[in-house]
Structure formats: C-alpha cells, structure tokens
Amino acid sequence: MLVGKLGMGGFGVFSMQVAAMFFFGLSDFGISRAIALLAFDRGYIGGDGWRRPYAAGMRYSLMISTAVLVAGPLAGLALWHRLSG
C-alpha cells in the first residue's frame, strides 16, 4: 500500500527515516507515526519534501527531551526530600 501511494523513491526515504527513528529509540513516542502521516503528503517526495517530517521529528524530540530535563531534577528533589526526612 505504501509503495503504491509513495512510489519507490518516497518509500525508500520513508523507510530510512523510520529506521533512523528506531535506531535512536524514538519509535515509541509517535515520531515514526508522524513521519508515516506526513509521507502521504504530495510534497513529501520533492526536493524539500524531507523538511516537514524532519521538523516534526525534531519538534517531538525536543518536547520529549524538555519533559525529561524538567521531570528528572524534580524527581531527584522529591527523592532527596523523602530520604532526608
């Protein structure tokens, strides 16, 4: 179905992007699903077609890393408060 919709070139780009997300462990956070949805856009295969899926992946990665950076110290403070009291 994807090959028929995207063509061979688009499917190759899609496969490489999803494989990169799996490699970096980001597949469970919806990034690969965002790339899959963007893959059905007509502009995906063009010269700058990679920018929208890339931007979506970077945006999700930034949101996840921000959540971890905020939650980590807060969890550490809560644990320190519990252990010291």
Protein backbone atom coordinates (compact mmCIF):
# COMPACT_ATOMS: atom_id res chain seq x y z
CA MET A 1 0.00 0.00 0.00
CA LEU A 2 2.76 2.46 0.92
CA VAL A 3 4.80 1.65 -2.18
CA GLY A 4 1.75 2.24 -4.36
CA LYS A 5 0.99 5.55 -2.65
CA LEU A 6 4.52 6.91 -2.32
CA GLY A 7 6.33 5.30 -5.22
CA MET A 8 9.71 3.62 -4.84
CA GLY A 9 11.67 6.82 -4.15
CA GLY A 10 9.27 8.08 -1.48
CA PHE A 11 9.05 4.67 0.15
CA GLY A 12 12.85 4.50 0.34
CA VAL A 13 13.04 7.88 2.07
CA PHE A 14 10.21 6.90 4.41
CA SER A 15 11.91 3.59 5.28
CA MET A 16 15.22 5.27 6.04
CA GLN A 17 13.59 7.88 8.29
CA VAL A 18 11.61 5.30 10.24
CA ALA A 19 14.73 3.11 10.56
CA ALA A 20 16.67 6.09 11.93
CA MET A 21 13.94 6.73 14.50
CA PHE A 22 14.06 3.08 15.60
CA PHE A 23 17.86 3.27 15.81
CA PHE A 24 17.71 6.27 18.12
CA GLY A 25 14.94 4.67 20.20
CA LEU A 26 12.31 7.27 19.34
CA SER A 27 9.78 4.99 17.71
CA ASP A 28 7.55 4.70 20.78
CA PHE A 29 6.91 8.43 21.06
CA GLY A 30 4.84 8.95 17.92
CA ILE A 31 7.64 10.35 15.79
CA SER A 32 7.58 7.49 13.31
CA ARG A 33 3.79 7.79 13.16
CA ALA A 34 4.13 11.49 12.36
CA ILE A 35 6.55 10.65 9.57
CA ALA A 36 4.14 7.99 8.29
CA LEU A 37 1.30 10.51 8.17
CA LEU A 38 3.45 13.15 6.50
CA ALA A 39 4.57 10.57 3.95
CA PHE A 40 1.13 10.72 2.34
CA ASP A 41 1.54 14.43 1.61
CA ARG A 42 2.19 15.20 -2.07
CA GLY A 43 5.21 17.38 -1.33
CA TYR A 44 6.99 14.63 0.58
CA ILE A 45 8.93 13.27 -2.39
CA GLY A 46 10.03 16.64 -3.80
CA GLY A 47 13.44 18.22 -3.29
CA ASP A 48 12.50 19.80 0.04
CA GLY A 49 9.99 17.09 0.96
CA TRP A 50 12.18 15.81 3.77
CA ARG A 51 11.90 19.04 5.76
CA ARG A 52 8.37 18.60 7.14
CA PRO A 53 8.94 15.08 8.52
CA TYR A 54 12.35 16.19 9.82
CA ALA A 55 10.79 19.21 11.53
CA ALA A 56 8.08 17.03 13.08
CA GLY A 57 10.69 14.57 14.35
CA MET A 58 12.85 17.35 15.79
CA ARG A 59 9.83 19.01 17.42
CA TYR A 60 8.77 15.74 19.10
CA SER A 61 12.35 15.02 20.16
CA LEU A 62 12.66 18.50 21.67
CA MET A 63 9.38 18.10 23.57
CA ILE A 64 10.47 14.72 24.94
CA SER A 65 13.90 15.96 25.99
CA THR A 66 12.36 19.03 27.65
CA ALA A 67 9.98 16.82 29.62
CA VAL A 68 12.88 14.61 30.74
CA LEU A 69 15.03 17.61 31.69
CA VAL A 70 12.20 19.06 33.78
CA ALA A 71 10.99 15.81 35.33
CA GLY A 72 14.45 14.44 36.17
CA PRO A 73 15.53 17.14 38.64
CA LEU A 74 12.03 17.32 40.13
CA ALA A 75 12.04 13.57 40.74
CA GLY A 76 15.55 13.84 42.21
CA LEU A 77 14.46 16.59 44.59
CA ALA A 78 11.41 14.60 45.66
CA LEU A 79 13.54 11.53 46.30
CA TRP A 80 16.15 13.56 48.20
CA HIS A 81 13.42 15.16 50.33
CA ARG A 82 11.92 11.75 51.10
CA LEU A 83 15.28 10.20 52.02
CA SER A 84 16.47 13.13 54.13
CA GLY A 85 13.25 13.46 56.12
